[in-house]
PDB file of N, CA and C in Angstrom:
ATOM      1  N   MET A   1      95.890 124.859  95.275  1.00  0.00           N
ATOM      2  CA  MET A   1      95.984 124.951  96.702  1.00  0.00           C
ATOM      3  C   MET A   1      97.448 124.971  97.152  1.00  0.00           C
ATOM      4  N   CYS A   2      98.264 124.093  96.592  1.00  0.00           N
ATOM      5  CA  CYS A   2      99.671 124.049  96.986  1.00  0.00           C
ATOM      6  C   CYS A   2     100.366 125.360  96.603  1.00  0.00           C
ATOM      7  N   ALA A   3     100.162 125.804  95.365  1.00  0.00           N
ATOM      8  CA  ALA A   3     100.834 127.013  94.889  1.00  0.00           C
ATOM      9  C   ALA A   3     100.453 128.237  95.718  1.00  0.00           C
ATOM     10  N   THR A   4      99.195 128.347  96.115  1.00  0.00           N
ATOM     11  CA  THR A   4      98.769 129.512  96.891  1.00  0.00           C
ATOM     12  C   THR A   4      99.416 129.531  98.273  1.00  0.00           C
ATOM     13  N   ARG A   5      99.900 128.392  98.721  1.00  0.00           N
ATOM     14  CA  ARG A   5     100.562 128.310 100.031  1.00  0.00           C
ATOM     15  C   ARG A   5     102.081 128.222  99.909  1.00  0.00           C
ATOM     16  N   GLY A   6     102.575 128.372  98.669  1.00  0.00           N
ATOM     17  CA  GLY A   6     104.014 128.324  98.458  1.00  0.00           C
ATOM     18  C   GLY A   6     104.609 126.934  98.569  1.00  0.00           C
ATOM     19  N   LEU A   7     103.798 125.913  98.346  1.00  0.00           N
ATOM     20  CA  LEU A   7     104.263 124.530  98.446  1.00  0.00           C
ATOM     21  C   LEU A   7     104.399 123.912  97.067  1.00  0.00           C
ATOM     22  N   GLN A   8     105.285 122.944  96.952  1.00  0.00           N
ATOM     23  CA  GLN A   8     105.463 122.197  95.710  1.00  0.00           C
ATOM     24  C   GLN A   8     105.528 120.712  96.042  1.00  0.00           C
ATOM     25  N   VAL A   9     104.789 119.914  95.328  1.00  0.00           N
ATOM     26  CA  VAL A   9     104.845 118.467  95.480  1.00  0.00           C
ATOM     27  C   VAL A   9     105.886 117.969  94.481  1.00  0.00           C
ATOM     28  N   VAL A  10     106.993 117.449  94.978  1.00  0.00           N
ATOM     29  CA  VAL A  10     108.079 117.056  94.084  1.00  0.00           C
ATOM     30  C   VAL A  10     108.064 115.570  93.734  1.00  0.00           C
ATOM     31  N   MET A  11     107.407 114.758  94.559  1.00  0.00           N
ATOM     32  CA  MET A  11     107.378 113.325  94.286  1.00  0.00           C
ATOM     33  C   MET A  11     106.185 112.698  94.990  1.00  0.00           C
ATOM     34  N   MET A  12     105.614 111.680  94.343  1.00  0.00           N
ATOM     35  CA  MET A  12     104.514 110.926  94.950  1.00  0.00           C
ATOM     36  C   MET A  12     104.814 109.443  94.836  1.00  0.00           C
ATOM     37  N   GLN A  13     104.265 108.671  95.760  1.00  0.00           N
ATOM     38  CA  GLN A  13     104.417 107.212  95.755  1.00  0.00           C
ATOM     39  C   GLN A  13     103.015 106.596  95.848  1.00  0.00           C
ATOM     40  N   PRO A  14     102.261 106.633  94.759  1.00  0.00           N
ATOM     41  CA  PRO A  14     100.865 106.215  94.842  1.00  0.00           C
ATOM     42  C   PRO A  14     100.558 104.757  94.510  1.00  0.00           C
ATOM     43  N   PHE A  15     101.533 103.966  94.108  1.00  0.00           N
ATOM     44  CA  PHE A  15     101.206 102.675  93.517  1.00  0.00           C
ATOM     45  C   PHE A  15     101.471 101.462  94.396  1.00  0.00           C
ATOM     46  N   ALA A  16     101.047 101.496  95.629  1.00  0.00           N
ATOM     47  CA  ALA A  16     101.132 100.300  96.465  1.00  0.00           C
ATOM     48  C   ALA A  16     100.258  99.216  95.840  1.00  0.00           C
ATOM     49  N   ASN A  17     100.757  98.028  95.784  1.00  0.00           N
ATOM     50  CA  ASN A  17     100.024  96.878  95.228  1.00  0.00           C
ATOM     51  C   ASN A  17      99.649  97.055  93.761  1.00  0.00           C
ATOM     52  N   PHE A  18     100.476  97.771  93.019  1.00  0.00           N
ATOM     53  CA  PHE A  18     100.208  97.948  91.586  1.00  0.00           C
ATOM     54  C   PHE A  18     100.692  96.754  90.779  1.00  0.00           C
ATOM     55  N   GLU A  19     101.884  96.301  91.056  1.00  0.00           N
ATOM     56  CA  GLU A  19     102.526  95.303  90.212  1.00  0.00           C
ATOM     57  C   GLU A  19     102.069  93.883  90.536  1.00  0.00           C
ATOM     58  N   GLY A  20     102.251  92.994  89.579  1.00  0.00           N
ATOM     59  CA  GLY A  20     102.024  91.581  89.827  1.00  0.00           C
ATOM     60  C   GLY A  20     100.786  90.982  89.196  1.00  0.00           C
ATOM     61  N   TRP A  21      99.916  91.792  88.646  1.00  0.00           N
ATOM     62  CA  TRP A  21      98.676  91.262  88.071  1.00  0.00           C
ATOM     63  C   TRP A  21      98.911  90.769  86.650  1.00  0.00           C
ATOM     64  N   ALA A  22      98.308  89.672  86.306  1.00  0.00           N
ATOM     65  CA  ALA A  22      98.470  89.072  84.980  1.00  0.00           C
ATOM     66  C   ALA A  22      97.843  89.954  83.900  1.00  0.00           C
ATOM     67  N   PRO A  23      98.500  90.071  82.739  1.00  0.00           N
ATOM     68  CA  PRO A  23      97.920  90.830  81.626  1.00  0.00           C
ATOM     69  C   PRO A  23      96.522  90.316  81.298  1.00  0.00           C
ATOM     70  N   GLY A  24      95.604  91.248  81.101  1.00  0.00           N
ATOM     71  CA  GLY A  24      94.236  90.888  80.763  1.00  0.00           C
ATOM     72  C   GLY A  24      93.348  90.578  81.957  1.00  0.00           C
ATOM     73  N   SER A  25      93.921  90.545  83.168  1.00  0.00           N
ATOM     74  CA  SER A  25      93.113  90.227  84.346  1.00  0.00           C
ATOM     75  C   SER A  25      92.331  91.456  84.811  1.00  0.00           C
ATOM     76  N   GLY A  26      91.235  91.205  85.495  1.00  0.00           N
ATOM     77  CA  GLY A  26      90.447  92.287  86.047  1.00  0.00           C
ATOM     78  C   GLY A  26      91.225  93.091  87.072  1.00  0.00           C
ATOM     79  N   GLU A  27      92.080  92.418  87.827  1.00  0.00           N
ATOM     80  CA  GLU A  27      92.893  93.095  88.839  1.00  0.00           C
ATOM     81  C   GLU A  27      93.856  94.081  88.190  1.00  0.00           C
ATOM     82  N   ARG A  28      94.455  93.669  87.067  1.00  0.00           N
ATOM     83  CA  ARG A  28      95.383  94.565  86.362  1.00  0.00           C
ATOM     84  C   ARG A  28      94.633  95.766  85.803  1.00  0.00           C
ATOM     85  N   GLU A  29      93.467  95.540  85.236  1.00  0.00           N
ATOM     86  CA  GLU A  29      92.671  96.653  84.705  1.00  0.00           C
ATOM     87  C   GLU A  29      92.292  97.624  85.818  1.00  0.00           C
ATOM     88  N   ASP A  30      91.920  97.079  86.979  1.00  0.00           N
ATOM     89  CA  ASP A  30      91.589  97.929  88.122  1.00  0.00           C
ATOM     90  C   ASP A  30      92.809  98.730  88.568  1.00  0.00           C
ATOM     91  N   ALA A  31      93.966  98.089  88.614  1.00  0.00           N
ATOM     92  CA  ALA A  31      95.198  98.776  89.006  1.00  0.00           C
ATOM     93  C   ALA A  31      95.503  99.911  88.032  1.00  0.00           C
ATOM     94  N   PHE A  32      95.298  99.680  86.739  1.00  0.00           N
ATOM     95  CA  PHE A  32      95.561 100.717  85.749  1.00  0.00           C
ATOM     96  C   PHE A  32      94.555 101.863  85.872  1.00  0.00           C
ATOM     97  N   ARG A  33      93.312 101.565  86.202  1.00  0.00           N
ATOM     98  CA  ARG A  33      92.319 102.636  86.415  1.00  0.00           C
ATOM     99  C   ARG A  33      92.694 103.481  87.630  1.00  0.00           C
ATOM    100  N   ARG A  34      93.126 102.829  88.685  1.00  0.00           N
ATOM    101  CA  ARG A  34      93.560 103.574  89.871  1.00  0.00           C
ATOM    102  C   ARG A  34      94.795 104.410  89.557  1.00  0.00           C
ATOM    103  N   ALA A  35      95.713 103.832  88.788  1.00  0.00           N
ATOM    104  CA  ALA A  35      96.913 104.567  88.392  1.00  0.00           C
ATOM    105  C   ALA A  35      96.540 105.796  87.570  1.00  0.00           C
ATOM    106  N   GLU A  36      95.554 105.653  86.710  1.00  0.00           N
ATOM    107  CA  GLU A  36      95.106 106.786  85.898  1.00  0.00           C
ATOM    108  C   GLU A  36      94.598 107.916  86.795  1.00  0.00           C
ATOM    109  N   GLY A  37      93.863 107.561  87.832  1.00  0.00           N
ATOM    110  CA  GLY A  37      93.393 108.573  88.775  1.00  0.00           C
ATOM    111  C   GLY A  37      94.544 109.282  89.464  1.00  0.00           C
ATOM    112  N   TRP A  38      95.544 108.514  89.876  1.00  0.00           N
ATOM    113  CA  TRP A  38      96.703 109.119  90.537  1.00  0.00           C
ATOM    114  C   TRP A  38      97.498 109.995  89.592  1.00  0.00           C
ATOM    115  N   MET A  39      97.564 109.610  88.322  1.00  0.00           N
ATOM    116  CA  MET A  39      98.266 110.448  87.340  1.00  0.00           C
ATOM    117  C   MET A  39      97.574 111.804  87.240  1.00  0.00           C
ATOM    118  N   GLY A  40      96.251 111.801  87.311  1.00  0.00           N
ATOM    119  CA  GLY A  40      95.505 113.054  87.302  1.00  0.00           C
ATOM    120  C   GLY A  40      95.818 113.913  88.512  1.00  0.00           C
ATOM    121  N   VAL A  41      95.921 113.272  89.684  1.00  0.00           N
ATOM    122  CA  VAL A  41      96.282 113.992  90.909  1.00  0.00           C
ATOM    123  C   VAL A  41      97.682 114.585  90.763  1.00  0.00           C
ATOM    124  N   MET A  42      98.611 113.785  90.257  1.00  0.00           N
ATOM    125  CA  MET A  42      99.977 114.265  90.081  1.00  0.00           C
ATOM    126  C   MET A  42     100.021 115.463  89.139  1.00  0.00           C
ATOM    127  N   GLU A  43      99.278 115.375  88.061  1.00  0.00           N
ATOM    128  CA  GLU A  43      99.241 116.495  87.114  1.00  0.00           C
ATOM    129  C   GLU A  43      98.636 117.737  87.769  1.00  0.00           C
ATOM    130  N   ALA A  44      97.580 117.553  88.525  1.00  0.00           N
ATOM    131  CA  ALA A  44      96.899 118.684  89.165  1.00  0.00           C
ATOM    132  C   ALA A  44      97.796 119.432  90.147  1.00  0.00           C
ATOM    133  N   VAL A  45      98.687 118.710  90.828  1.00  0.00           N
ATOM    134  CA  VAL A  45      99.564 119.368  91.792  1.00  0.00           C
ATOM    135  C   VAL A  45     100.932 119.702  91.205  1.00  0.00           C
ATOM    136  N   GLY A  46     101.111 119.422  89.910  1.00  0.00           N
ATOM    137  CA  GLY A  46     102.363 119.768  89.242  1.00  0.00           C
ATOM    138  C   GLY A  46     103.519 118.849  89.571  1.00  0.00           C
ATOM    139  N   CYS A  47     103.222 117.628  89.911  1.00  0.00           N
ATOM    140  CA  CYS A  47     104.248 116.646  90.267  1.00  0.00           C
ATOM    141  C   CYS A  47     104.548 115.764  89.056  1.00  0.00           C
ATOM    142  N   ASP A  48     105.835 115.657  88.707  1.00  0.00           N
ATOM    143  CA  ASP A  48     106.191 114.828  87.553  1.00  0.00           C
ATOM    144  C   ASP A  48     107.177 113.712  87.905  1.00  0.00           C
ATOM    145  N   MET A  49     107.378 113.469  89.200  1.00  0.00           N
ATOM    146  CA  MET A  49     108.273 112.393  89.613  1.00  0.00           C
ATOM    147  C   MET A  49     107.501 111.362  90.434  1.00  0.00           C
ATOM    148  N   LEU A  50     107.657 110.117  90.035  1.00  0.00           N
ATOM    149  CA  LEU A  50     106.955 109.008  90.661  1.00  0.00           C
ATOM    150  C   LEU A  50     107.964 108.115  91.372  1.00  0.00           C
ATOM    151  N   GLN A  51     107.723 107.818  92.629  1.00  0.00           N
ATOM    152  CA  GLN A  51     108.594 106.915  93.375  1.00  0.00           C
ATOM    153  C   GLN A  51     107.989 105.524  93.366  1.00  0.00           C
ATOM    154  N   VAL A  52     108.829 104.534  93.085  1.00  0.00           N
ATOM    155  CA  VAL A  52     108.413 103.141  93.102  1.00  0.00           C
ATOM    156  C   VAL A  52     108.956 102.513  94.369  1.00  0.00           C
ATOM    157  N   ARG A  53     108.108 101.794  95.072  1.00  0.00           N
ATOM    158  CA  ARG A  53     108.514 101.176  96.336  1.00  0.00           C
ATOM    159  C   ARG A  53     109.737 100.291  96.150  1.00  0.00           C
ATOM    160  N   ALA A  54     110.723 100.451  97.003  1.00  0.00           N
ATOM    161  CA  ALA A  54     111.952  99.669  96.910  1.00  0.00           C
ATOM    162  C   ALA A  54     111.715  98.197  97.188  1.00  0.00           C
ATOM    163  N   GLU A  55     110.776  97.877  98.078  1.00  0.00           N
ATOM    164  CA  GLU A  55     110.605  96.473  98.451  1.00  0.00           C
ATOM    165  C   GLU A  55     110.059  95.608  97.323  1.00  0.00           C
ATOM    166  N   ILE A  56     109.559  96.208  96.246  1.00  0.00           N
ATOM    167  CA  ILE A  56     109.109  95.360  95.150  1.00  0.00           C
ATOM    168  C   ILE A  56     110.294  94.719  94.438  1.00  0.00           C
ATOM    169  N   PHE A  57     111.493  95.236  94.691  1.00  0.00           N
ATOM    170  CA  PHE A  57     112.695  94.690  94.073  1.00  0.00           C
ATOM    171  C   PHE A  57     113.525  93.888  95.068  1.00  0.00           C
ATOM    172  N   ARG A  58     112.902  93.388  96.108  1.00  0.00           N
ATOM    173  CA  ARG A  58     113.638  92.725  97.177  1.00  0.00           C
ATOM    174  C   ARG A  58     114.377  91.471  96.714  1.00  0.00           C
ATOM    175  N   CYS A  59     113.869  90.780  95.709  1.00  0.00           N
ATOM    176  CA  CYS A  59     114.517  89.558  95.239  1.00  0.00           C
ATOM    177  C   CYS A  59     115.875  89.873  94.627  1.00  0.00           C
ATOM    178  N   GLY A  60     115.919  90.872  93.769  1.00  0.00           N
ATOM    179  CA  GLY A  60     117.169  91.285  93.151  1.00  0.00           C
ATOM    180  C   GLY A  60     117.571  90.464  91.938  1.00  0.00           C
ATOM    181  N   CYS A  61     116.866  89.378  91.649  1.00  0.00           N
ATOM    182  CA  CYS A  61     117.261  88.584  90.488  1.00  0.00           C
ATOM    183  C   CYS A  61     116.781  89.262  89.209  1.00  0.00           C
ATOM    184  N   CYS A  62     117.516  89.078  88.155  1.00  0.00           N
ATOM    185  CA  CYS A  62     117.237  89.772  86.893  1.00  0.00           C
ATOM    186  C   CYS A  62     115.846  89.479  86.345  1.00  0.00           C
ATOM    187  N   ALA A  63     115.390  88.247  86.451  1.00  0.00           N
ATOM    188  CA  ALA A  63     114.076  87.896  85.897  1.00  0.00           C
ATOM    189  C   ALA A  63     112.972  88.707  86.562  1.00  0.00           C
ATOM    190  N   HIS A  64     113.020  88.832  87.881  1.00  0.00           N
ATOM    191  CA  HIS A  64     111.996  89.610  88.581  1.00  0.00           C
ATOM    192  C   HIS A  64     112.119  91.094  88.282  1.00  0.00           C
ATOM    193  N   LEU A  65     113.335  91.594  88.181  1.00  0.00           N
ATOM    194  CA  LEU A  65     113.523  93.009  87.850  1.00  0.00           C
ATOM    195  C   LEU A  65     112.960  93.321  86.474  1.00  0.00           C
ATOM    196  N   LEU A  66     113.238  92.468  85.509  1.00  0.00           N
ATOM    197  CA  LEU A  66     112.728  92.687  84.155  1.00  0.00           C
ATOM    198  C   LEU A  66     111.214  92.583  84.107  1.00  0.00           C
ATOM    199  N   MET A  67     110.654  91.631  84.834  1.00  0.00           N
ATOM    200  CA  MET A  67     109.208  91.464  84.865  1.00  0.00           C
ATOM    201  C   MET A  67     108.557  92.718  85.446  1.00  0.00           C
ATOM    202  N   ARG A  68     109.083  93.202  86.535  1.00  0.00           N
ATOM    203  CA  ARG A  68     108.494  94.379  87.167  1.00  0.00           C
ATOM    204  C   ARG A  68     108.710  95.633  86.336  1.00  0.00           C
ATOM    205  N   ALA A  69     109.836  95.741  85.694  1.00  0.00           N
ATOM    206  CA  ALA A  69     110.054  96.876  84.792  1.00  0.00           C
ATOM    207  C   ALA A  69     109.012  96.846  83.687  1.00  0.00           C
ATOM    208  N   GLY A  70     108.651  95.658  83.236  1.00  0.00           N
ATOM    209  CA  GLY A  70     107.617  95.517  82.212  1.00  0.00           C
ATOM    210  C   GLY A  70     106.268  96.026  82.678  1.00  0.00           C
ATOM    211  N   TRP A  71     105.930  95.822  83.954  1.00  0.00           N
ATOM    212  CA  TRP A  71     104.657  96.316  84.479  1.00  0.00           C
ATOM    213  C   TRP A  71     104.600  97.828  84.412  1.00  0.00           C
ATOM    214  N   PHE A  72     105.713  98.481  84.788  1.00  0.00           N
ATOM    215  CA  PHE A  72     105.726  99.934  84.775  1.00  0.00           C
ATOM    216  C   PHE A  72     105.838 100.484  83.355  1.00  0.00           C
ATOM    217  N   PHE A  73     106.476  99.738  82.467  1.00  0.00           N
ATOM    218  CA  PHE A  73     106.474 100.136  81.060  1.00  0.00           C
ATOM    219  C   PHE A  73     105.048 100.073  80.518  1.00  0.00           C
ATOM    220  N   GLY A  74     104.307  99.042  80.919  1.00  0.00           N
ATOM    221  CA  GLY A  74     102.903  98.939  80.522  1.00  0.00           C
ATOM    222  C   GLY A  74     102.094 100.123  81.018  1.00  0.00           C
ATOM    223  N   LEU A  75     102.376 100.580  82.218  1.00  0.00           N
ATOM    224  CA  LEU A  75     101.698 101.761  82.751  1.00  0.00           C
ATOM    225  C   LEU A  75     102.018 102.988  81.898  1.00  0.00           C
ATOM    226  N   ALA A  76     103.274 103.143  81.532  1.00  0.00           N
ATOM    227  CA  ALA A  76     103.671 104.268  80.683  1.00  0.00           C
ATOM    228  C   ALA A  76     102.958 104.204  79.338  1.00  0.00           C
ATOM    229  N   GLN A  77     102.880 103.017  78.750  1.00  0.00           N
ATOM    230  CA  GLN A  77     102.183 102.866  77.475  1.00  0.00           C
ATOM    231  C   GLN A  77     100.707 103.204  77.627  1.00  0.00           C
ATOM    232  N   TYR A  78     100.106 102.771  78.706  1.00  0.00           N
ATOM    233  CA  TYR A  78      98.699 103.029  78.983  1.00  0.00           C
ATOM    234  C   TYR A  78      98.413 104.535  78.980  1.00  0.00           C
ATOM    235  N   HIS A  79      99.398 105.309  79.419  1.00  0.00           N
ATOM    236  CA  HIS A  79      99.242 106.753  79.482  1.00  0.00           C
ATOM    237  C   HIS A  79      99.864 107.467  78.285  1.00  0.00           C
ATOM    238  N   GLY A  80     100.229 106.694  77.258  1.00  0.00           N
ATOM    239  CA  GLY A  80     100.768 107.283  76.049  1.00  0.00           C
ATOM    240  C   GLY A  80     102.169 107.840  76.198  1.00  0.00           C
ATOM    241  N   LEU A  81     102.933 107.297  77.122  1.00  0.00           N
ATOM    242  CA  LEU A  81     104.279 107.810  77.378  1.00  0.00           C
ATOM    243  C   LEU A  81     105.379 106.934  76.805  1.00  0.00           C
ATOM    244  N   ASP A  82     105.026 106.045  75.896  1.00  0.00           N
ATOM    245  CA  ASP A  82     106.053 105.152  75.373  1.00  0.00           C
ATOM    246  C   ASP A  82     106.853 105.880  74.309  1.00  0.00           C
TER     247      ASP A  82
END
């Protein structure tokens, strides 16, 4: 649909409320299932850039940054991108 109209989706920000769930929790599994759906949407529209909300890094301390980076690394592993 986008290509037939001369449009390109260059970036998406689909992961509101993705981060923060404990490993092995039902909430984390649900977040990963939703992320999988969004990855399919991104692939379908030819989008390969993902924007992460800036406010998730509002604390700025290294421990929180590393923890949150770990959540997104887990997402990459889930999709075989490690």
